[in-house]
Amino acid sequence: MTPPEEVARRLAGDWLAKAATDLLVCERLSSQGAAFSEAIAFHAQQAAEKSLKALLVARQVEFPKTHDIERLVELVALGDAVLAEALADAAELTPYGVEYRYPGEYAPVTGDAAGACVSLARKVHDEIARRLAEETRR
C-alpha cells in the first residue's frame, strides 16, 4: 500500500502541473496582444489557485471548493505564516477567476493589468514549486 504522504506528493505534482499549463496559456496568449487580456488574467488566477492547492494537498491540509485566493492563503498561513505573507498579494487575482468569467459590469483588463496578473501567478507558482521541491528532498 502506498503511504499517504506519497499519494499527497503525487497529487500535489498533478496540481502544480495544471498550474504550469495555465501559465503556459498566459504566455501564449500574451504573445497575441491585448485582445486576450481577460483570458490571460483568468488563467493567471487559475495558476495561482492551483499552485496554492498543490501546496495544501502536499501538506495534507483540507480546503473548500473555492476560487478565493485569500482564503487559500489563510490556510497556507496555518502551517507557514512567512510563505503566506509573501503570497498575500496574490489575493488580487480572485476576481479574475470568478467575476470576469461572465458578462458583467467591471473595468476592462488592460494589457498591463494582465501582465501584472501573470507576474503574480508566476511568483506564487515558482515559490510553491521551490518549497515543494525542498520538502521532497527532506
N, C-alpha and C. Protein backbone atom coordinates (compact mmCIF):
# COMPACT_ATOMS: atom_id res chain seq x y z
N MET A 1 0.84 -1.18 0.00
CA MET A 1 0.00 0.00 0.00
C MET A 1 0.89 1.24 0.00
N THR A 2 0.47 2.25 -0.75
CA THR A 2 1.22 3.48 -0.86
C THR A 2 0.95 4.37 0.35
N PRO A 3 2.02 4.88 0.99
CA PRO A 3 1.81 5.76 2.15
C PRO A 3 1.08 7.05 1.75
N PRO A 4 0.27 7.60 2.65
CA PRO A 4 -0.50 8.81 2.33
C PRO A 4 0.38 9.99 1.92
N GLU A 5 1.57 10.09 2.47
CA GLU A 5 2.47 11.20 2.11
C GLU A 5 2.87 11.12 0.64
N GLU A 6 3.10 9.89 0.17
CA GLU A 6 3.49 9.73 -1.24
C GLU A 6 2.31 10.03 -2.16
N VAL A 7 1.14 9.60 -1.79
CA VAL A 7 -0.06 9.90 -2.57
C VAL A 7 -0.27 11.41 -2.64
N ALA A 8 -0.14 12.07 -1.50
CA ALA A 8 -0.30 13.52 -1.45
C ALA A 8 0.75 14.21 -2.32
N ARG A 9 1.98 13.73 -2.29
CA ARG A 9 3.05 14.32 -3.08
C ARG A 9 2.75 14.19 -4.59
N ARG A 10 2.27 13.02 -4.99
CA ARG A 10 1.92 12.82 -6.41
C ARG A 10 0.77 13.72 -6.84
N LEU A 11 -0.26 13.78 -6.00
CA LEU A 11 -1.41 14.63 -6.33
C LEU A 11 -1.01 16.10 -6.37
N ALA A 12 -0.14 16.50 -5.46
CA ALA A 12 0.36 17.88 -5.46
C ALA A 12 1.10 18.17 -6.76
N GLY A 13 1.87 17.20 -7.23
CA GLY A 13 2.55 17.35 -8.51
C GLY A 13 1.58 17.53 -9.67
N ASP A 14 0.47 16.81 -9.61
CA ASP A 14 -0.57 16.95 -10.64
C ASP A 14 -1.17 18.36 -10.61
N TRP A 15 -1.46 18.86 -9.42
CA TRP A 15 -1.99 20.23 -9.28
C TRP A 15 -0.99 21.24 -9.83
N LEU A 16 0.28 21.07 -9.48
CA LEU A 16 1.31 22.00 -9.92
C LEU A 16 1.48 21.95 -11.44
N ALA A 17 1.36 20.77 -12.03
CA ALA A 17 1.45 20.65 -13.48
C ALA A 17 0.29 21.39 -14.16
N LYS A 18 -0.90 21.29 -13.59
CA LYS A 18 -2.05 22.03 -14.13
C LYS A 18 -1.80 23.54 -14.05
N ALA A 19 -1.21 23.98 -12.94
CA ALA A 19 -0.88 25.39 -12.78
C ALA A 19 0.13 25.84 -13.83
N ALA A 20 1.12 25.00 -14.08
CA ALA A 20 2.14 25.32 -15.09
C ALA A 20 1.50 25.44 -16.47
N THR A 21 0.52 24.60 -16.75
CA THR A 21 -0.19 24.68 -18.03
C THR A 21 -0.93 26.01 -18.15
N ASP A 22 -1.57 26.44 -17.07
CA ASP A 22 -2.25 27.74 -17.09
C ASP A 22 -1.25 28.87 -17.35
N LEU A 23 -0.07 28.78 -16.77
CA LEU A 23 0.94 29.81 -17.02
C LEU A 23 1.40 29.78 -18.48
N LEU A 24 1.51 28.60 -19.04
CA LEU A 24 1.88 28.48 -20.45
C LEU A 24 0.80 29.11 -21.34
N VAL A 25 -0.46 28.90 -20.99
CA VAL A 25 -1.56 29.53 -21.73
C VAL A 25 -1.41 31.06 -21.65
N CYS A 26 -1.10 31.57 -20.47
CA CYS A 26 -0.89 33.02 -20.31
C CYS A 26 0.20 33.52 -21.25
N GLU A 27 1.31 32.80 -21.29
CA GLU A 27 2.42 33.22 -22.14
C GLU A 27 2.03 33.22 -23.61
N ARG A 28 1.35 32.16 -24.03
CA ARG A 28 0.95 32.06 -25.44
C ARG A 28 -0.04 33.16 -25.80
N LEU A 29 -1.01 33.39 -24.93
CA LEU A 29 -1.99 34.43 -25.21
C LEU A 29 -1.36 35.83 -25.17
N SER A 30 -0.40 36.02 -24.29
CA SER A 30 0.27 37.33 -24.19
C SER A 30 0.97 37.68 -25.49
N SER A 31 1.47 36.67 -26.17
CA SER A 31 2.17 36.93 -27.43
C SER A 31 1.20 37.35 -28.54
N GLN A 32 -0.10 37.22 -28.31
CA GLN A 32 -1.12 37.57 -29.32
C GLN A 32 -1.65 39.00 -29.14
N GLY A 33 -1.25 39.67 -28.07
CA GLY A 33 -1.67 41.04 -27.88
C GLY A 33 -2.76 41.21 -26.83
N ALA A 34 -3.20 42.45 -26.68
CA ALA A 34 -4.12 42.82 -25.61
C ALA A 34 -5.54 42.28 -25.80
N ALA A 35 -5.85 41.73 -26.95
CA ALA A 35 -7.20 41.21 -27.19
C ALA A 35 -7.57 40.09 -26.23
N PHE A 36 -6.58 39.45 -25.64
CA PHE A 36 -6.82 38.31 -24.77
C PHE A 36 -6.58 38.62 -23.29
N SER A 37 -6.59 39.89 -22.93
CA SER A 37 -6.24 40.29 -21.56
C SER A 37 -7.12 39.63 -20.50
N GLU A 38 -8.42 39.54 -20.74
CA GLU A 38 -9.30 38.90 -19.75
C GLU A 38 -8.98 37.43 -19.61
N ALA A 39 -8.73 36.75 -20.70
CA ALA A 39 -8.39 35.32 -20.66
C ALA A 39 -7.05 35.11 -19.96
N ILE A 40 -6.12 36.00 -20.19
CA ILE A 40 -4.81 35.91 -19.54
C ILE A 40 -4.99 36.06 -18.03
N ALA A 41 -5.76 37.06 -17.61
CA ALA A 41 -5.99 37.28 -16.18
C ALA A 41 -6.68 36.07 -15.56
N PHE A 42 -7.65 35.49 -16.27
CA PHE A 42 -8.34 34.30 -15.77
C PHE A 42 -7.36 33.15 -15.57
N HIS A 43 -6.54 32.88 -16.56
CA HIS A 43 -5.61 31.75 -16.44
C HIS A 43 -4.52 32.03 -15.40
N ALA A 44 -4.18 33.29 -15.20
CA ALA A 44 -3.23 33.63 -14.14
C ALA A 44 -3.85 33.32 -12.78
N GLN A 45 -5.12 33.67 -12.60
CA GLN A 45 -5.79 33.35 -11.34
C GLN A 45 -5.82 31.84 -11.14
N GLN A 46 -6.13 31.11 -12.20
CA GLN A 46 -6.18 29.66 -12.11
C GLN A 46 -4.82 29.07 -11.73
N ALA A 47 -3.76 29.61 -12.31
CA ALA A 47 -2.41 29.13 -11.99
C ALA A 47 -2.08 29.34 -10.52
N ALA A 48 -2.41 30.50 -9.99
CA ALA A 48 -2.15 30.77 -8.58
C ALA A 48 -3.00 29.87 -7.69
N GLU A 49 -4.27 29.75 -8.02
CA GLU A 49 -5.17 28.90 -7.24
C GLU A 49 -4.68 27.45 -7.21
N LYS A 50 -4.34 26.91 -8.36
CA LYS A 50 -3.90 25.52 -8.44
C LYS A 50 -2.56 25.32 -7.74
N SER A 51 -1.70 26.31 -7.80
CA SER A 51 -0.41 26.22 -7.10
C SER A 51 -0.63 26.16 -5.59
N LEU A 52 -1.50 27.03 -5.09
CA LEU A 52 -1.81 27.02 -3.66
C LEU A 52 -2.44 25.70 -3.24
N LYS A 53 -3.33 25.19 -4.06
CA LYS A 53 -3.96 23.91 -3.74
C LYS A 53 -2.94 22.78 -3.78
N ALA A 54 -1.94 22.88 -4.66
CA ALA A 54 -0.86 21.88 -4.69
C ALA A 54 -0.14 21.83 -3.35
N LEU A 55 0.17 23.01 -2.82
CA LEU A 55 0.86 23.07 -1.52
C LEU A 55 -0.01 22.49 -0.42
N LEU A 56 -1.28 22.86 -0.42
CA LEU A 56 -2.18 22.36 0.62
C LEU A 56 -2.34 20.84 0.52
N VAL A 57 -2.44 20.32 -0.68
CA VAL A 57 -2.53 18.87 -0.86
C VAL A 57 -1.27 18.19 -0.34
N ALA A 58 -0.12 18.73 -0.71
CA ALA A 58 1.16 18.14 -0.27
C ALA A 58 1.27 18.11 1.24
N ARG A 59 0.75 19.14 1.87
CA ARG A 59 0.82 19.23 3.33
C ARG A 59 -0.40 18.61 4.01
N GLN A 60 -1.26 18.02 3.20
CA GLN A 60 -2.45 17.32 3.67
C GLN A 60 -3.37 18.22 4.50
N VAL A 61 -3.58 19.42 3.96
CA VAL A 61 -4.49 20.40 4.57
C VAL A 61 -5.76 20.42 3.73
N GLU A 62 -6.89 20.13 4.35
CA GLU A 62 -8.15 20.16 3.62
C GLU A 62 -8.50 21.60 3.27
N PHE A 63 -9.11 21.76 2.10
CA PHE A 63 -9.54 23.09 1.67
C PHE A 63 -10.91 22.99 1.02
N PRO A 64 -11.69 24.06 1.10
CA PRO A 64 -13.02 24.05 0.48
C PRO A 64 -12.91 24.22 -1.02
N LYS A 65 -13.97 23.88 -1.72
CA LYS A 65 -14.03 24.14 -3.15
C LYS A 65 -14.23 25.65 -3.29
N THR A 66 -13.17 26.34 -3.70
CA THR A 66 -13.21 27.80 -3.76
C THR A 66 -12.24 28.32 -4.80
N HIS A 67 -12.53 29.53 -5.29
CA HIS A 67 -11.60 30.25 -6.17
C HIS A 67 -10.99 31.43 -5.42
N ASP A 68 -11.26 31.53 -4.14
CA ASP A 68 -10.83 32.65 -3.30
C ASP A 68 -9.37 32.47 -2.88
N ILE A 69 -8.50 33.20 -3.53
CA ILE A 69 -7.06 33.10 -3.26
C ILE A 69 -6.76 33.49 -1.81
N GLU A 70 -7.40 34.54 -1.32
CA GLU A 70 -7.16 34.97 0.06
C GLU A 70 -7.48 33.84 1.04
N ARG A 71 -8.56 33.14 0.83
CA ARG A 71 -8.93 32.02 1.71
C ARG A 71 -7.88 30.91 1.65
N LEU A 72 -7.38 30.62 0.47
CA LEU A 72 -6.35 29.58 0.33
C LEU A 72 -5.05 30.01 1.02
N VAL A 73 -4.71 31.28 0.89
CA VAL A 73 -3.50 31.79 1.56
C VAL A 73 -3.67 31.71 3.08
N GLU A 74 -4.87 31.97 3.57
CA GLU A 74 -5.13 31.83 5.01
C GLU A 74 -4.87 30.40 5.48
N LEU A 75 -5.24 29.44 4.67
CA LEU A 75 -4.97 28.03 5.01
C LEU A 75 -3.49 27.72 4.97
N VAL A 76 -2.77 28.31 4.03
CA VAL A 76 -1.32 28.15 3.98
C VAL A 76 -0.70 28.73 5.26
N ALA A 77 -1.25 29.85 5.73
CA ALA A 77 -0.72 30.52 6.93
C ALA A 77 -0.79 29.65 8.17
N LEU A 78 -1.72 28.71 8.21
CA LEU A 78 -1.82 27.84 9.38
C LEU A 78 -0.55 27.04 9.62
N GLY A 79 0.16 26.74 8.53
CA GLY A 79 1.39 25.97 8.67
C GLY A 79 2.65 26.73 8.29
N ASP A 80 2.48 27.89 7.65
CA ASP A 80 3.65 28.63 7.16
C ASP A 80 3.29 30.10 6.99
N ALA A 81 3.34 30.83 8.09
CA ALA A 81 2.94 32.24 8.08
C ALA A 81 3.85 33.09 7.20
N VAL A 82 5.12 32.75 7.13
CA VAL A 82 6.07 33.52 6.33
C VAL A 82 5.72 33.40 4.85
N LEU A 83 5.47 32.18 4.39
CA LEU A 83 5.09 31.97 3.00
C LEU A 83 3.76 32.66 2.69
N ALA A 84 2.81 32.52 3.59
CA ALA A 84 1.51 33.15 3.38
C ALA A 84 1.65 34.66 3.23
N GLU A 85 2.47 35.26 4.03
CA GLU A 85 2.68 36.71 3.94
C GLU A 85 3.31 37.08 2.59
N ALA A 86 4.25 36.25 2.14
CA ALA A 86 4.92 36.52 0.86
C ALA A 86 3.96 36.40 -0.32
N LEU A 87 2.91 35.60 -0.16
CA LEU A 87 1.98 35.36 -1.26
C LEU A 87 0.66 36.12 -1.11
N ALA A 88 0.52 36.91 -0.07
CA ALA A 88 -0.76 37.57 0.23
C ALA A 88 -1.26 38.45 -0.90
N ASP A 89 -0.36 39.10 -1.63
CA ASP A 89 -0.81 39.99 -2.70
C ASP A 89 -1.48 39.25 -3.85
N ALA A 90 -1.33 37.94 -3.90
CA ALA A 90 -1.99 37.15 -4.95
C ALA A 90 -3.51 37.18 -4.81
N ALA A 91 -4.01 37.61 -3.65
CA ALA A 91 -5.46 37.71 -3.46
C ALA A 91 -6.09 38.64 -4.50
N GLU A 92 -5.30 39.55 -5.05
CA GLU A 92 -5.78 40.46 -6.09
C GLU A 92 -6.29 39.71 -7.32
N LEU A 93 -5.88 38.46 -7.47
CA LEU A 93 -6.27 37.68 -8.65
C LEU A 93 -7.69 37.10 -8.55
N THR A 94 -8.23 37.03 -7.36
CA THR A 94 -9.52 36.35 -7.15
C THR A 94 -10.63 36.80 -8.10
N PRO A 95 -10.85 38.10 -8.30
CA PRO A 95 -11.96 38.49 -9.20
C PRO A 95 -11.83 37.94 -10.61
N TYR A 96 -10.61 37.72 -11.08
CA TYR A 96 -10.43 37.23 -12.44
C TYR A 96 -10.84 35.77 -12.60
N GLY A 97 -10.94 35.06 -11.50
CA GLY A 97 -11.35 33.66 -11.56
C GLY A 97 -12.84 33.48 -11.47
N VAL A 98 -13.55 34.53 -11.11
CA VAL A 98 -14.99 34.41 -10.92
C VAL A 98 -15.72 35.47 -11.75
N GLU A 99 -15.61 36.72 -11.35
CA GLU A 99 -16.40 37.79 -11.96
C GLU A 99 -16.12 37.98 -13.45
N TYR A 100 -14.88 37.86 -13.84
CA TYR A 100 -14.51 38.14 -15.22
C TYR A 100 -14.80 36.99 -16.18
N ARG A 101 -15.27 35.88 -15.65
CA ARG A 101 -15.59 34.73 -16.50
C ARG A 101 -16.87 34.94 -17.28
N TYR A 102 -17.71 35.83 -16.80
CA TYR A 102 -19.03 36.01 -17.39
C TYR A 102 -19.27 37.49 -17.72
N PRO A 103 -20.21 37.78 -18.59
CA PRO A 103 -20.51 39.19 -18.87
C PRO A 103 -20.94 39.90 -17.59
N GLY A 104 -20.57 41.16 -17.49
CA GLY A 104 -20.97 41.91 -16.30
C GLY A 104 -20.41 43.31 -16.32
N GLU A 105 -20.64 43.98 -15.21
CA GLU A 105 -20.19 45.35 -15.04
C GLU A 105 -18.85 45.34 -14.31
N TYR A 106 -17.79 45.48 -15.05
CA TYR A 106 -16.46 45.56 -14.46
C TYR A 106 -15.53 46.29 -15.43
N ALA A 107 -14.46 46.80 -14.87
CA ALA A 107 -13.49 47.52 -15.70
C ALA A 107 -12.80 46.56 -16.65
N PRO A 108 -12.49 47.01 -17.85
CA PRO A 108 -11.75 46.14 -18.77
C PRO A 108 -10.35 45.83 -18.22
N VAL A 109 -9.84 44.69 -18.61
CA VAL A 109 -8.49 44.30 -18.20
C VAL A 109 -7.53 44.84 -19.26
N THR A 110 -6.63 45.69 -18.84
CA THR A 110 -5.64 46.23 -19.77
C THR A 110 -4.52 45.23 -19.97
N GLY A 111 -3.72 45.46 -20.98
CA GLY A 111 -2.55 44.61 -21.21
C GLY A 111 -1.60 44.65 -20.02
N ASP A 112 -1.43 45.84 -19.43
CA ASP A 112 -0.55 45.97 -18.27
C ASP A 112 -1.10 45.20 -17.07
N ALA A 113 -2.41 45.28 -16.86
CA ALA A 113 -3.02 44.55 -15.75
C ALA A 113 -2.88 43.05 -15.95
N ALA A 114 -3.07 42.59 -17.17
CA ALA A 114 -2.91 41.17 -17.47
C ALA A 114 -1.47 40.73 -17.19
N GLY A 115 -0.52 41.55 -17.58
CA GLY A 115 0.89 41.25 -17.32
C GLY A 115 1.18 41.18 -15.82
N ALA A 116 0.58 42.08 -15.06
CA ALA A 116 0.76 42.06 -13.60
C ALA A 116 0.15 40.78 -13.00
N CYS A 117 -0.97 40.35 -13.55
CA CYS A 117 -1.59 39.10 -13.08
C CYS A 117 -0.67 37.91 -13.32
N VAL A 118 -0.07 37.88 -14.48
CA VAL A 118 0.84 36.77 -14.81
C VAL A 118 2.05 36.80 -13.88
N SER A 119 2.56 37.97 -13.61
CA SER A 119 3.71 38.08 -12.69
C SER A 119 3.36 37.56 -11.30
N LEU A 120 2.18 37.93 -10.81
CA LEU A 120 1.74 37.43 -9.50
C LEU A 120 1.59 35.92 -9.51
N ALA A 121 0.97 35.40 -10.54
CA ALA A 121 0.75 33.95 -10.63
C ALA A 121 2.08 33.21 -10.71
N ARG A 122 3.01 33.74 -11.49
CA ARG A 122 4.33 33.10 -11.61
C ARG A 122 5.05 33.12 -10.26
N LYS A 123 4.93 34.22 -9.52
CA LYS A 123 5.56 34.29 -8.20
C LYS A 123 5.00 33.19 -7.30
N VAL A 124 3.68 33.05 -7.27
CA VAL A 124 3.04 32.02 -6.45
C VAL A 124 3.51 30.63 -6.88
N HIS A 125 3.42 30.37 -8.17
CA HIS A 125 3.80 29.05 -8.69
C HIS A 125 5.26 28.72 -8.38
N ASP A 126 6.15 29.65 -8.70
CA ASP A 126 7.58 29.37 -8.53
C ASP A 126 7.96 29.19 -7.07
N GLU A 127 7.39 30.00 -6.20
CA GLU A 127 7.70 29.87 -4.77
C GLU A 127 7.18 28.54 -4.23
N ILE A 128 5.99 28.17 -4.61
CA ILE A 128 5.44 26.90 -4.13
C ILE A 128 6.20 25.72 -4.73
N ALA A 129 6.53 25.79 -6.01
CA ALA A 129 7.31 24.71 -6.63
C ALA A 129 8.65 24.54 -5.91
N ARG A 130 9.27 25.66 -5.57
CA ARG A 130 10.55 25.61 -4.85
C ARG A 130 10.37 24.97 -3.47
N ARG A 131 9.35 25.40 -2.76
CA ARG A 131 9.09 24.84 -1.42
C ARG A 131 8.81 23.35 -1.49
N LEU A 132 7.99 22.94 -2.43
CA LEU A 132 7.66 21.52 -2.54
C LEU A 132 8.89 20.69 -2.91
N ALA A 133 9.74 21.23 -3.76
CA ALA A 133 10.97 20.52 -4.11
C ALA A 133 11.87 20.37 -2.88
N GLU A 134 11.96 21.42 -2.07
CA GLU A 134 12.76 21.34 -0.84
C GLU A 134 12.19 20.32 0.12
N GLU A 135 10.87 20.31 0.25
CA GLU A 135 10.23 19.36 1.18
C GLU A 135 10.38 17.93 0.71
N THR A 136 10.43 17.72 -0.59
CA THR A 136 10.61 16.38 -1.13
C THR A 136 12.01 15.86 -0.84
N ARG A 137 12.99 16.75 -0.86
CA ARG A 137 14.39 16.35 -0.60
C ARG A 137 14.64 15.97 0.85
N ARG A 138 13.78 16.42 1.75
CA ARG A 138 13.99 16.15 3.18
C ARG A 138 13.71 14.73 3.53
